[in-house]
Each structure stands twice: as structure tokens, then as C-alpha cells.
N, C-alpha and C. Protein backbone atom coordinates (compact mmCIF):
# COMPACT_ATOMS: atom_id res chain seq x y z
N MET A 1 82.56 25.06 127.48
CA MET A 1 83.60 24.61 127.71
C MET A 1 83.94 24.45 126.25
N PRO A 2 85.21 24.82 125.37
CA PRO A 2 85.20 25.16 123.70
C PRO A 2 85.64 23.65 123.35
N ILE A 3 85.48 22.82 122.34
CA ILE A 3 85.84 22.03 121.86
C ILE A 3 86.91 22.14 120.85
N SER A 4 88.30 21.46 120.60
CA SER A 4 89.01 22.13 119.76
C SER A 4 88.86 21.07 118.65
N ARG A 5 89.12 21.87 117.26
CA ARG A 5 89.05 20.86 116.11
C ARG A 5 90.13 20.94 115.04
N PRO A 6 90.53 19.58 114.92
CA PRO A 6 91.85 19.75 113.81
C PRO A 6 91.85 20.72 112.66
N SER A 7 93.02 21.13 112.34
CA SER A 7 93.01 21.97 111.16
C SER A 7 93.07 20.99 110.02
N ALA A 8 92.35 21.91 109.06
CA ALA A 8 92.44 21.15 107.34
C ALA A 8 93.20 20.18 107.27
N ALA A 9 94.52 20.57 107.16
CA ALA A 9 96.09 20.08 107.30
C ALA A 9 96.07 18.88 107.92
N VAL A 10 95.91 18.61 109.19
CA VAL A 10 95.84 17.57 110.06
C VAL A 10 94.84 16.90 109.59
N TRP A 11 93.60 17.24 108.98
CA TRP A 11 92.51 16.61 108.81
C TRP A 11 92.84 15.98 107.74
N SER A 12 93.37 15.97 106.72
CA SER A 12 93.71 15.73 105.15
C SER A 12 94.72 14.66 105.72
N LEU A 13 95.61 14.56 106.52
CA LEU A 13 96.87 13.66 106.68
C LEU A 13 95.94 12.77 107.57
N SER A 14 95.06 12.88 108.17
CA SER A 14 93.92 11.67 108.95
C SER A 14 93.48 11.19 107.93
N ALA A 15 92.97 11.55 107.04
CA ALA A 15 92.01 11.43 106.12
C ALA A 15 92.87 10.07 105.34
N VAL A 16 94.19 10.61 104.99
CA VAL A 16 95.02 9.86 103.88
C VAL A 16 95.56 8.82 104.57
N ALA A 17 95.90 8.79 106.09
CA ALA A 17 96.11 7.68 107.01
C ALA A 17 95.10 6.56 106.70
N ALA A 18 93.90 7.39 107.24
CA ALA A 18 92.62 5.84 107.27
C ALA A 18 92.78 5.19 105.85
N ALA A 19 92.88 6.26 105.06
CA ALA A 19 92.28 5.56 103.74
C ALA A 19 93.52 4.76 103.60
N LEU A 20 94.56 4.73 103.55
CA LEU A 20 95.79 3.72 103.10
C LEU A 20 95.92 2.57 103.94
N LEU A 21 95.40 2.66 105.44
CA LEU A 21 95.03 1.53 106.43
C LEU A 21 94.05 1.08 105.76
N ILE A 22 93.02 1.55 105.00
CA ILE A 22 91.77 0.41 104.58
C ILE A 22 92.14 0.17 103.55
N VAL A 23 92.64 0.70 102.34
CA VAL A 23 92.56 0.25 100.82
C VAL A 23 94.35 -0.30 100.75
N GLY A 24 95.34 -0.21 101.35
CA GLY A 24 96.58 -0.01 100.93
C GLY A 24 96.92 0.55 99.67
N CYS A 25 98.06 0.48 99.25
CA CYS A 25 98.61 1.02 98.13
C CYS A 25 99.89 0.11 97.75
N SER A 26 100.02 0.12 96.50
CA SER A 26 101.36 -0.49 95.63
C SER A 26 101.44 0.20 94.44
N GLY A 27 102.67 -0.05 94.10
CA GLY A 27 103.23 0.89 92.87
C GLY A 27 104.13 0.31 92.14
N SER A 28 104.89 0.34 91.12
CA SER A 28 105.41 -0.13 90.10
C SER A 28 106.51 0.60 89.11
N VAL A 29 107.69 0.50 89.28
CA VAL A 29 108.56 1.15 88.22
C VAL A 29 109.51 0.32 87.65
N THR A 30 109.70 0.88 85.94
CA THR A 30 110.55 -0.28 85.30
C THR A 30 112.02 0.94 85.38
N VAL A 31 113.15 0.68 86.28
CA VAL A 31 114.10 1.11 86.12
C VAL A 31 115.15 0.65 85.31
N GLY A 32 115.12 -0.38 84.47
CA GLY A 32 115.91 -0.97 83.45
C GLY A 32 117.10 -1.27 83.30
N ASN A 33 118.06 -1.66 84.48
CA ASN A 33 119.41 -1.69 84.38
C ASN A 33 119.62 -3.08 85.37
N SER A 34 120.67 -3.77 85.26
CA SER A 34 120.94 -5.16 86.14
C SER A 34 120.53 -5.19 87.50
N GLU A 35 120.95 -4.10 87.85
CA GLU A 35 120.71 -3.65 89.84
C GLU A 35 119.97 -2.28 89.39
N PRO A 36 118.33 -3.32 89.73
CA PRO A 36 117.71 -1.87 89.64
C PRO A 36 117.62 -1.04 90.67
N LYS A 37 117.39 0.32 90.75
CA LYS A 37 117.65 1.33 91.84
C LYS A 37 116.55 2.44 91.51
N LEU A 38 115.88 2.96 92.19
CA LEU A 38 114.81 4.26 92.04
C LEU A 38 115.45 5.40 92.94
N SER A 39 115.40 6.41 91.91
CA SER A 39 116.01 7.53 92.67
C SER A 39 114.88 7.93 93.79
N SER A 40 115.72 8.40 94.65
CA SER A 40 114.62 9.46 95.90
C SER A 40 114.01 10.19 95.31
N ASP A 41 114.26 11.09 94.26
CA ASP A 41 113.26 11.79 93.85
C ASP A 41 111.93 11.45 93.01
N LYS A 42 112.86 10.62 92.19
CA LYS A 42 111.24 9.43 91.16
C LYS A 42 110.22 8.73 92.23
N LEU A 43 111.25 8.66 93.48
CA LEU A 43 110.40 7.55 94.31
C LEU A 43 109.38 8.45 94.75
N ALA A 44 109.87 9.90 95.68
CA ALA A 44 109.17 10.46 96.02
C ALA A 44 107.95 10.92 94.98
N THR A 45 107.88 10.95 93.94
CA THR A 45 106.66 11.45 93.07
C THR A 45 105.76 10.27 92.81
N THR A 46 106.46 9.11 92.41
CA THR A 46 105.80 8.13 92.82
C THR A 46 104.67 7.92 93.85
N VAL A 47 105.42 8.26 94.72
CA VAL A 47 104.52 7.48 96.36
C VAL A 47 103.41 8.56 96.17
N ALA A 48 103.59 9.78 95.81
CA ALA A 48 102.99 11.24 96.07
C ALA A 48 101.48 10.75 95.01
N GLN A 49 101.84 10.41 94.22
CA GLN A 49 100.95 9.89 92.77
C GLN A 49 100.23 9.12 93.33
N LYS A 50 100.74 7.93 93.97
CA LYS A 50 99.75 6.61 94.34
C LYS A 50 99.02 6.80 95.23
N LEU A 51 99.79 8.11 96.30
CA LEU A 51 99.10 8.20 97.51
C LEU A 51 97.27 9.36 97.28
N ALA A 52 97.89 9.99 96.32
CA ALA A 52 96.96 10.47 95.58
C ALA A 52 95.66 10.17 94.91
N ASP A 53 95.79 8.95 94.09
CA ASP A 53 95.25 8.31 93.42
C ASP A 53 94.40 7.30 94.50
N THR A 54 95.17 7.08 95.52
CA THR A 54 94.27 5.81 96.73
C THR A 54 93.11 6.92 97.14
N THR A 55 93.70 8.09 97.22
CA THR A 55 92.77 8.61 98.68
C THR A 55 91.83 9.40 97.86
N GLY A 56 92.01 9.79 96.71
CA GLY A 56 91.31 10.92 95.96
C GLY A 56 91.54 12.32 96.24
N GLN A 57 92.59 12.56 97.05
CA GLN A 57 93.08 13.51 97.58
C GLN A 57 93.77 14.42 96.67
N PRO A 58 94.32 15.88 96.88
CA PRO A 58 95.44 16.73 95.85
C PRO A 58 96.94 15.51 96.50
N THR A 59 97.58 15.53 95.21
CA THR A 59 98.84 15.02 95.22
C THR A 59 99.85 16.06 96.54
N PRO A 60 100.13 14.74 97.43
CA PRO A 60 100.92 15.65 98.52
C PRO A 60 102.19 15.88 98.30
N ASP A 61 102.82 16.38 99.42
CA ASP A 61 104.54 16.74 99.52
C ASP A 61 105.06 15.96 99.84
N VAL A 62 105.73 14.73 99.11
CA VAL A 62 106.63 13.63 99.60
C VAL A 62 107.60 13.90 99.68
N ALA A 63 108.80 13.64 100.54
CA ALA A 63 110.14 13.42 100.24
C ALA A 63 110.86 12.25 100.70
N CYS A 64 111.66 11.55 99.97
CA CYS A 64 112.23 10.27 100.45
C CYS A 64 113.74 10.53 100.34
N PRO A 65 114.59 10.01 101.67
CA PRO A 65 115.76 10.56 101.88
C PRO A 65 116.80 9.73 100.96
N GLU A 66 116.30 8.43 100.56
CA GLU A 66 117.43 7.69 99.73
C GLU A 66 116.85 7.38 98.88
N ASP A 67 117.51 6.67 97.70
CA ASP A 67 117.33 5.71 96.82
C ASP A 67 116.58 4.16 97.14
N LEU A 68 115.72 3.98 96.57
CA LEU A 68 115.15 2.63 97.05
C LEU A 68 115.76 1.74 95.92
N VAL A 69 116.44 0.54 96.79
CA VAL A 69 117.42 -0.55 96.07
C VAL A 69 116.48 -1.99 95.57
N GLY A 70 116.27 -2.02 94.22
CA GLY A 70 115.48 -3.15 93.99
C GLY A 70 115.43 -4.34 94.35
N LYS A 71 115.76 -4.89 95.91
CA LYS A 71 115.82 -5.60 96.09
C LYS A 71 114.55 -6.68 97.02
N THR A 72 113.81 -7.54 96.93
CA THR A 72 112.72 -7.72 97.60
C THR A 72 113.09 -7.55 99.15
N GLY A 73 112.07 -7.11 99.90
CA GLY A 73 112.09 -6.94 101.33
C GLY A 73 112.85 -5.69 101.86
N THR A 74 113.39 -4.70 100.65
CA THR A 74 114.15 -3.74 100.87
C THR A 74 113.29 -2.85 101.34
N THR A 75 113.51 -1.61 102.53
CA THR A 75 112.52 -0.73 102.76
C THR A 75 113.36 0.71 102.82
N THR A 76 112.39 1.59 102.72
CA THR A 76 113.21 3.02 102.98
C THR A 76 111.32 4.07 103.54
N ARG A 77 112.06 5.02 104.50
CA ARG A 77 111.28 5.74 104.92
C ARG A 77 111.28 7.16 104.14
N CYS A 78 109.83 7.39 104.14
CA CYS A 78 109.50 8.92 103.25
C CYS A 78 108.52 9.77 104.12
N THR A 79 108.76 10.83 103.89
CA THR A 79 107.81 11.93 104.91
C THR A 79 107.13 12.63 103.90
N LEU A 80 105.27 12.75 104.13
CA LEU A 80 104.48 13.55 103.92
C LEU A 80 104.54 14.52 104.21
N THR A 81 104.38 16.20 104.02
CA THR A 81 104.03 16.95 104.81
C THR A 81 102.85 17.79 104.34
N ALA A 82 102.37 18.49 105.33
CA ALA A 82 101.20 19.30 104.91
C ALA A 82 101.60 20.70 105.05
N ASN A 83 100.22 21.36 104.46
CA ASN A 83 100.58 22.31 104.30
C ASN A 83 100.89 23.19 105.45
N ASP A 84 100.12 22.88 106.51
CA ASP A 84 100.70 23.13 108.00
C ASP A 84 102.07 22.94 108.75
N GLY A 85 102.46 21.85 107.82
CA GLY A 85 104.07 21.78 108.63
C GLY A 85 103.92 20.42 109.31
N SER A 86 102.96 19.94 109.66
CA SER A 86 102.59 18.45 109.90
C SER A 86 103.03 17.39 109.11
N THR A 87 103.49 16.35 109.87
CA THR A 87 104.35 15.20 108.47
C THR A 87 103.42 14.02 109.00
N LEU A 88 103.52 12.89 107.99
CA LEU A 88 103.42 11.72 108.45
C LEU A 88 104.33 10.96 107.60
N GLY A 89 104.66 9.86 108.55
CA GLY A 89 105.63 9.00 107.73
C GLY A 89 105.28 7.74 106.78
N VAL A 90 105.95 7.48 105.84
CA VAL A 90 105.09 6.70 105.22
C VAL A 90 106.27 5.59 104.70
N THR A 91 105.79 4.15 104.92
CA THR A 91 107.47 3.31 104.55
C THR A 91 106.76 2.54 102.84
N VAL A 92 107.91 2.45 102.40
CA VAL A 92 108.04 1.87 101.33
C VAL A 92 109.15 0.45 101.49
N THR A 93 108.19 -0.63 100.92
CA THR A 93 108.93 -1.78 100.64
C THR A 93 108.79 -2.42 99.36
N VAL A 94 109.58 -2.97 99.06
CA VAL A 94 109.98 -3.66 97.72
C VAL A 94 109.12 -5.04 97.75
N THR A 95 108.32 -5.30 96.88
CA THR A 95 107.75 -6.70 96.98
C THR A 95 108.46 -7.40 96.21
N SER A 96 108.67 -7.07 95.05
CA SER A 96 109.44 -7.94 94.05
C SER A 96 109.73 -7.13 92.72
N VAL A 97 110.92 -7.82 92.27
CA VAL A 97 111.60 -6.97 91.42
C VAL A 97 111.78 -8.33 89.85
N ARG A 98 111.16 -7.63 89.05
CA ARG A 98 111.19 -8.75 87.73
C ARG A 98 111.26 -7.47 86.71
N ARG A 99 112.61 -8.07 86.01
CA ARG A 99 113.07 -7.58 84.60
C ARG A 99 113.01 -6.31 84.69
N GLY A 100 113.67 -5.67 85.47
CA GLY A 100 114.23 -4.40 86.22
C GLY A 100 112.94 -3.33 86.34
N GLU A 101 111.73 -3.89 86.50
CA GLU A 101 110.70 -3.47 87.19
C GLU A 101 110.37 -3.65 89.02
N ILE A 102 110.55 -2.89 89.81
CA ILE A 102 110.47 -2.78 91.17
C ILE A 102 109.02 -2.46 91.09
N ASN A 103 108.51 -3.32 92.24
CA ASN A 103 107.21 -3.48 92.56
C ASN A 103 107.16 -3.21 94.04
N PHE A 104 106.26 -2.14 94.66
CA PHE A 104 106.56 -1.76 96.16
C PHE A 104 105.12 -1.58 96.54
N ASP A 105 105.23 -1.80 98.22
CA ASP A 105 103.59 -1.49 98.61
C ASP A 105 104.25 -0.40 99.70
N ILE A 106 102.96 0.93 99.64
CA ILE A 106 103.64 1.69 100.41
C ILE A 106 102.18 1.74 101.59
N LYS A 107 103.00 2.02 102.86
CA LYS A 107 102.26 2.30 104.06
C LYS A 107 102.10 3.16 104.77
N ALA A 108 101.22 4.07 105.34
CA ALA A 108 101.45 5.24 105.93
C ALA A 108 101.27 5.10 107.24
N ASP A 109 101.73 6.16 108.13
CA ASP A 109 101.69 5.58 109.33
C ASP A 109 100.69 6.15 110.03
N GLU A 110 99.95 5.54 111.43
CA GLU A 110 98.40 5.65 111.62
C GLU A 110 98.33 7.06 112.17
N THR A 111 99.45 7.89 112.74
CA THR A 111 99.24 9.21 113.37
C THR A 111 100.32 9.89 112.75
N ALA A 112 99.74 11.44 112.51
CA ALA A 112 100.63 12.49 111.86
C ALA A 112 101.43 12.99 113.14
N SER A 113 102.41 14.11 112.99
CA SER A 113 103.31 14.29 114.12
C SER A 113 102.93 15.75 113.82
N PRO A 114 102.61 16.53 114.69
CA PRO A 114 102.29 18.06 114.62
C PRO A 114 103.52 18.75 113.69
N ALA A 115 103.05 20.13 113.50
CA ALA A 115 103.88 20.88 112.81
C ALA A 115 105.24 21.19 113.57
N ALA A 116 106.15 21.51 113.70
CA ALA A 116 107.26 21.93 114.73
C ALA A 116 106.97 23.17 114.86
N SER A 117 107.36 23.92 116.08
CA SER A 117 107.15 25.02 116.59
C SER A 117 108.06 26.24 116.38
């Protein structure tokens, strides 16, 4: 009976998710205005870099659909997409805002979604 093995991309996503669950991840960005907001593009770039730094994996493809408002407790969802098209949800939560610097935690979902057929 053959045993199916996950693809390298799914394995990578699983490794990223496992590493984030064990290690955790956080970041901060200074935006410098009275109502701090981090653009969706800058947020995606920052999240991708933090994930890569935390897991020791190459920088993943991350997309965030909305800007992150610098207000403690605010959350947004981003999506990490592997080379095979499978995805992993990532939640970004603002932990504090101080002098225009938005501090946030990053938490990946426990399981990846397979690529669309």
C-alpha cells in the first residue's frame, strides 16, 4: 500500500506553522503620524520578513487585504501562499502603539489550506 507524502511546499507551510506556534513572532513599525496606520503592502512585507526570520525559511509570499490601524487590539488577517498554491492564514494583532510605533504579534493558523483545483 503506497504512502502519500506531502509536497515540499505543504511541508514548508507546516514547518512555518509549527515554528510559529512554538516560537511566536512579533514586530513593530514606526509610521510617524497622529493616527498611525500601516499600509497593507508594508504590513505584508514586514510579516513576511518576520516569518522568515523566525523560522529560518525563505521569505514567503504574504498578502494583507487591508491597512493595519494602530489601535491596541486591532486585528487583520493576511495570507501566506506557497509555491504550490496552498495557503496559510496569518493573524496580526496590535499589542501596543507608542509614539507612532505600532507593535504587533503574528500568529499563523495551525493548518494550511490545499491549493484550489
